[in-house]
């Protein structure tokens, strides 16, 4: 089992490191879903169809959740701004219907 965190944001990476999350691989983007195996864990903020495919493959998906107020949308966050958005990891099981 490997653990991946998908983010291109330095403040998010620092947040995870501050919490001493065990991350085997840091990725800025995912271009090949066959990289992941059943039992792997992927953290990030992925498109729903990608999260569904990972779950179908037996990968656990931990969504990096933020509550972003309108005045901060579209900005690259500082560590302080990120913390103000109540960051957390929430696990989801996502599946495509139909």
N, C-alpha and C. Protein backbone atom coordinates (compact mmCIF):
# COMPACT_ATOMS: atom_id res chain seq x y z
N UNK A 1 0.83 -1.18 0.00
CA UNK A 1 0.00 0.00 0.00
C UNK A 1 0.87 1.25 0.00
N UNK A 2 0.54 2.19 -0.87
CA UNK A 2 1.25 3.46 -0.93
C UNK A 2 0.26 4.60 -0.69
N UNK A 3 0.78 5.70 -0.20
CA UNK A 3 -0.04 6.87 0.07
C UNK A 3 0.45 8.02 -0.79
N UNK A 4 -0.50 8.64 -1.48
CA UNK A 4 -0.20 9.74 -2.40
C UNK A 4 -0.96 10.99 -1.95
N UNK A 5 -0.35 12.14 -2.14
CA UNK A 5 -1.07 13.41 -1.96
C UNK A 5 -0.93 14.17 -3.27
N UNK A 6 -2.08 14.52 -3.86
CA UNK A 6 -2.08 15.22 -5.14
C UNK A 6 -2.39 16.69 -4.87
N UNK A 7 -1.37 17.54 -5.03
CA UNK A 7 -1.55 18.97 -4.88
C UNK A 7 -0.41 19.69 -5.56
N UNK A 8 -0.70 20.86 -6.06
CA UNK A 8 0.35 21.71 -6.62
C UNK A 8 0.58 22.93 -5.73
N UNK A 9 -0.11 22.96 -4.59
CA UNK A 9 -0.09 24.13 -3.72
C UNK A 9 0.87 23.95 -2.53
N UNK A 10 1.86 24.81 -2.41
CA UNK A 10 2.82 24.71 -1.31
C UNK A 10 2.18 24.77 0.08
N UNK A 11 1.15 25.59 0.27
CA UNK A 11 0.52 25.69 1.58
C UNK A 11 -0.18 24.39 1.97
N UNK A 12 -0.75 23.70 0.99
CA UNK A 12 -1.40 22.42 1.27
C UNK A 12 -0.37 21.37 1.65
N UNK A 13 0.73 21.35 0.93
CA UNK A 13 1.81 20.42 1.25
C UNK A 13 2.36 20.68 2.65
N UNK A 14 2.54 21.94 2.99
CA UNK A 14 3.03 22.30 4.33
C UNK A 14 2.02 21.88 5.40
N UNK A 15 0.73 22.05 5.11
CA UNK A 15 -0.32 21.65 6.05
C UNK A 15 -0.21 20.16 6.36
N UNK A 16 -0.08 19.34 5.32
CA UNK A 16 0.01 17.89 5.51
C UNK A 16 1.28 17.52 6.28
N UNK A 17 2.38 18.17 5.96
CA UNK A 17 3.64 17.89 6.66
C UNK A 17 3.56 18.30 8.12
N UNK A 18 2.89 19.41 8.41
CA UNK A 18 2.72 19.86 9.80
C UNK A 18 1.93 18.86 10.62
N UNK A 19 1.06 18.12 9.97
CA UNK A 19 0.26 17.10 10.65
C UNK A 19 0.95 15.74 10.64
N UNK A 20 2.16 15.70 10.14
CA UNK A 20 2.97 14.49 10.08
C UNK A 20 2.25 13.34 9.37
N UNK A 21 1.54 13.71 8.29
CA UNK A 21 0.89 12.68 7.48
C UNK A 21 1.97 11.87 6.77
N UNK A 22 1.80 10.57 6.76
CA UNK A 22 2.75 9.70 6.07
C UNK A 22 2.38 9.68 4.59
N UNK A 23 3.19 10.34 3.79
CA UNK A 23 2.96 10.42 2.36
C UNK A 23 4.15 9.79 1.65
N UNK A 24 3.89 8.79 0.82
CA UNK A 24 4.96 8.14 0.07
C UNK A 24 5.33 8.92 -1.18
N UNK A 25 4.31 9.50 -1.83
CA UNK A 25 4.55 10.20 -3.09
C UNK A 25 3.71 11.47 -3.15
N UNK A 26 4.35 12.57 -3.51
CA UNK A 26 3.67 13.84 -3.76
C UNK A 26 3.53 14.00 -5.27
N UNK A 27 2.31 14.27 -5.72
CA UNK A 27 2.05 14.45 -7.14
C UNK A 27 1.37 15.80 -7.36
N UNK A 28 1.74 16.48 -8.43
CA UNK A 28 1.05 17.73 -8.76
C UNK A 28 -0.22 17.46 -9.56
N UNK A 29 -0.22 16.40 -10.34
CA UNK A 29 -1.36 16.04 -11.18
C UNK A 29 -1.36 14.52 -11.33
N UNK A 30 -2.50 13.99 -11.71
CA UNK A 30 -2.61 12.57 -12.05
C UNK A 30 -2.93 12.49 -13.54
N UNK A 31 -2.08 11.80 -14.26
CA UNK A 31 -2.36 11.60 -15.68
C UNK A 31 -2.61 10.13 -16.02
N UNK A 32 -2.26 9.23 -15.10
CA UNK A 32 -2.41 7.80 -15.37
C UNK A 32 -2.95 7.10 -14.13
N UNK A 33 -4.23 6.73 -14.16
CA UNK A 33 -4.86 6.10 -13.00
C UNK A 33 -4.37 4.67 -12.77
N UNK A 34 -3.68 4.07 -13.75
CA UNK A 34 -3.17 2.71 -13.56
C UNK A 34 -1.97 2.70 -12.61
N UNK A 35 -1.49 3.87 -12.22
CA UNK A 35 -0.40 3.99 -11.24
C UNK A 35 -0.82 3.45 -9.87
N UNK A 36 -2.13 3.47 -9.60
CA UNK A 36 -2.64 3.17 -8.26
C UNK A 36 -3.16 1.75 -8.17
N UNK A 37 -2.96 1.14 -7.00
CA UNK A 37 -3.34 -0.24 -6.77
C UNK A 37 -4.35 -0.34 -5.64
N UNK A 38 -5.12 -1.44 -5.59
CA UNK A 38 -6.05 -1.63 -4.48
C UNK A 38 -5.31 -1.50 -3.15
N UNK A 39 -5.93 -0.78 -2.22
CA UNK A 39 -5.32 -0.56 -0.91
C UNK A 39 -4.52 0.73 -0.81
N UNK A 40 -4.15 1.32 -1.96
CA UNK A 40 -3.48 2.61 -1.93
C UNK A 40 -4.43 3.67 -1.39
N UNK A 41 -3.86 4.77 -0.91
CA UNK A 41 -4.64 5.91 -0.44
C UNK A 41 -4.21 7.13 -1.24
N UNK A 42 -5.19 7.86 -1.75
CA UNK A 42 -4.93 9.08 -2.50
C UNK A 42 -5.65 10.23 -1.79
N UNK A 43 -4.89 11.25 -1.41
CA UNK A 43 -5.45 12.47 -0.85
C UNK A 43 -5.38 13.55 -1.92
N UNK A 44 -6.36 14.44 -1.92
CA UNK A 44 -6.33 15.56 -2.85
C UNK A 44 -7.71 16.12 -3.07
N UNK A 45 -7.82 16.95 -4.08
CA UNK A 45 -9.10 17.53 -4.49
C UNK A 45 -9.26 17.17 -5.96
N UNK A 46 -9.77 15.98 -6.19
CA UNK A 46 -9.82 15.43 -7.54
C UNK A 46 -11.18 15.64 -8.18
N UNK A 47 -11.22 15.66 -9.51
CA UNK A 47 -12.51 15.66 -10.21
C UNK A 47 -13.30 14.40 -9.83
N UNK A 48 -14.60 14.54 -9.74
CA UNK A 48 -15.46 13.46 -9.27
C UNK A 48 -15.30 12.18 -10.10
N UNK A 49 -15.15 12.30 -11.41
CA UNK A 49 -15.02 11.10 -12.24
C UNK A 49 -13.69 10.37 -11.96
N UNK A 50 -12.67 11.13 -11.61
CA UNK A 50 -11.39 10.51 -11.28
C UNK A 50 -11.47 9.82 -9.90
N UNK A 51 -12.11 10.47 -8.96
CA UNK A 51 -12.30 9.86 -7.64
C UNK A 51 -13.12 8.57 -7.77
N UNK A 52 -14.15 8.58 -8.62
CA UNK A 52 -14.97 7.39 -8.83
C UNK A 52 -14.15 6.24 -9.40
N UNK A 53 -13.29 6.53 -10.37
CA UNK A 53 -12.47 5.49 -10.98
C UNK A 53 -11.48 4.92 -9.96
N UNK A 54 -10.89 5.78 -9.15
CA UNK A 54 -9.97 5.29 -8.13
C UNK A 54 -10.68 4.38 -7.14
N UNK A 55 -11.87 4.79 -6.69
CA UNK A 55 -12.63 3.95 -5.77
C UNK A 55 -12.98 2.61 -6.41
N UNK A 56 -13.33 2.63 -7.69
CA UNK A 56 -13.63 1.39 -8.42
C UNK A 56 -12.42 0.46 -8.44
N UNK A 57 -11.23 1.04 -8.46
CA UNK A 57 -9.98 0.26 -8.47
C UNK A 57 -9.58 -0.22 -7.07
N UNK A 58 -10.36 0.13 -6.04
CA UNK A 58 -10.03 -0.30 -4.69
C UNK A 58 -9.10 0.65 -3.95
N UNK A 59 -8.98 1.87 -4.44
CA UNK A 59 -8.15 2.89 -3.81
C UNK A 59 -9.02 3.68 -2.85
N UNK A 60 -8.50 4.01 -1.68
CA UNK A 60 -9.22 4.87 -0.72
C UNK A 60 -8.95 6.32 -1.12
N UNK A 61 -10.03 7.12 -1.16
CA UNK A 61 -9.91 8.52 -1.56
C UNK A 61 -10.21 9.44 -0.38
N UNK A 62 -9.21 10.20 0.04
CA UNK A 62 -9.36 11.20 1.09
C UNK A 62 -9.39 12.58 0.46
N UNK A 63 -10.54 13.22 0.49
CA UNK A 63 -10.71 14.52 -0.16
C UNK A 63 -10.20 15.63 0.76
N UNK A 64 -9.34 16.48 0.22
CA UNK A 64 -8.85 17.63 0.96
C UNK A 64 -9.92 18.72 0.88
N UNK A 65 -10.62 18.91 1.98
CA UNK A 65 -11.79 19.77 2.03
C UNK A 65 -11.44 21.13 2.64
N UNK A 66 -11.94 22.17 2.02
CA UNK A 66 -11.80 23.53 2.54
C UNK A 66 -13.16 24.21 2.47
N UNK A 67 -13.37 25.15 3.36
CA UNK A 67 -14.52 26.06 3.27
C UNK A 67 -13.94 27.40 2.87
N UNK A 68 -14.08 27.73 1.59
CA UNK A 68 -13.42 28.91 1.03
C UNK A 68 -14.44 30.05 0.88
N UNK A 69 -14.23 31.14 1.61
CA UNK A 69 -15.14 32.28 1.45
C UNK A 69 -14.93 32.94 0.09
N UNK A 70 -15.95 33.62 -0.41
CA UNK A 70 -15.86 34.22 -1.75
C UNK A 70 -14.63 35.10 -1.98
N UNK A 71 -14.22 35.86 -0.98
CA UNK A 71 -13.10 36.78 -1.19
C UNK A 71 -11.75 36.07 -1.34
N UNK A 72 -11.68 34.77 -1.02
CA UNK A 72 -10.43 34.02 -1.17
C UNK A 72 -10.42 33.10 -2.39
N UNK A 73 -11.53 32.98 -3.07
CA UNK A 73 -11.60 32.06 -4.22
C UNK A 73 -10.66 32.52 -5.33
N UNK A 74 -9.96 31.55 -5.89
CA UNK A 74 -9.06 31.83 -7.01
C UNK A 74 -7.68 32.30 -6.61
N UNK A 75 -7.41 32.37 -5.31
CA UNK A 75 -6.10 32.84 -4.84
C UNK A 75 -5.20 31.66 -4.49
N UNK A 76 -3.89 31.89 -4.55
CA UNK A 76 -2.92 30.94 -4.01
C UNK A 76 -2.80 31.28 -2.52
N UNK A 77 -3.18 30.34 -1.66
CA UNK A 77 -3.25 30.62 -0.23
C UNK A 77 -1.89 30.63 0.45
N UNK A 78 -1.75 31.52 1.41
CA UNK A 78 -0.66 31.43 2.38
C UNK A 78 -1.06 30.37 3.40
N UNK A 79 -0.14 29.99 4.25
CA UNK A 79 -0.46 29.02 5.29
C UNK A 79 -1.58 29.53 6.19
N UNK A 80 -1.56 30.82 6.51
CA UNK A 80 -2.57 31.41 7.38
C UNK A 80 -3.95 31.41 6.70
N UNK A 81 -3.99 31.77 5.42
CA UNK A 81 -5.25 31.76 4.69
C UNK A 81 -5.81 30.34 4.60
N UNK A 82 -4.94 29.38 4.32
CA UNK A 82 -5.38 27.99 4.24
C UNK A 82 -5.99 27.56 5.57
N UNK A 83 -5.32 27.86 6.66
CA UNK A 83 -5.81 27.47 7.98
C UNK A 83 -7.16 28.10 8.28
N UNK A 84 -7.40 29.31 7.80
CA UNK A 84 -8.68 29.98 8.03
C UNK A 84 -9.83 29.31 7.29
N UNK A 85 -9.52 28.45 6.34
CA UNK A 85 -10.54 27.74 5.55
C UNK A 85 -10.88 26.37 6.12
N UNK A 86 -10.46 26.11 7.35
CA UNK A 86 -10.80 24.88 8.07
C UNK A 86 -10.44 23.61 7.29
N UNK A 87 -9.17 23.47 6.90
CA UNK A 87 -8.78 22.30 6.11
C UNK A 87 -8.92 20.99 6.88
N UNK A 88 -9.32 19.97 6.14
CA UNK A 88 -9.39 18.62 6.72
C UNK A 88 -9.44 17.61 5.59
N UNK A 89 -9.19 16.38 5.95
CA UNK A 89 -9.31 15.26 5.02
C UNK A 89 -10.59 14.50 5.38
N UNK A 90 -11.43 14.30 4.37
CA UNK A 90 -12.65 13.53 4.54
C UNK A 90 -12.64 12.39 3.53
N UNK A 91 -12.91 11.18 3.99
CA UNK A 91 -12.90 10.03 3.09
C UNK A 91 -14.27 9.84 2.44
N UNK A 92 -14.21 9.55 1.13
CA UNK A 92 -15.43 9.35 0.36
C UNK A 92 -15.30 8.07 -0.46
N UNK A 93 -16.44 7.41 -0.65
CA UNK A 93 -16.56 6.33 -1.61
C UNK A 93 -17.44 6.88 -2.73
N UNK A 94 -16.86 6.97 -3.91
CA UNK A 94 -17.56 7.58 -5.03
C UNK A 94 -17.76 6.52 -6.11
N UNK A 95 -18.95 6.50 -6.70
CA UNK A 95 -19.18 5.57 -7.79
C UNK A 95 -20.01 6.21 -8.88
N UNK A 96 -19.74 5.79 -10.08
CA UNK A 96 -20.49 6.25 -11.24
C UNK A 96 -21.77 5.42 -11.34
N UNK A 97 -22.86 6.07 -11.59
CA UNK A 97 -24.14 5.39 -11.73
C UNK A 97 -24.55 5.47 -13.20
N UNK A 98 -24.85 4.33 -13.77
CA UNK A 98 -25.30 4.33 -15.16
C UNK A 98 -24.22 4.20 -16.18
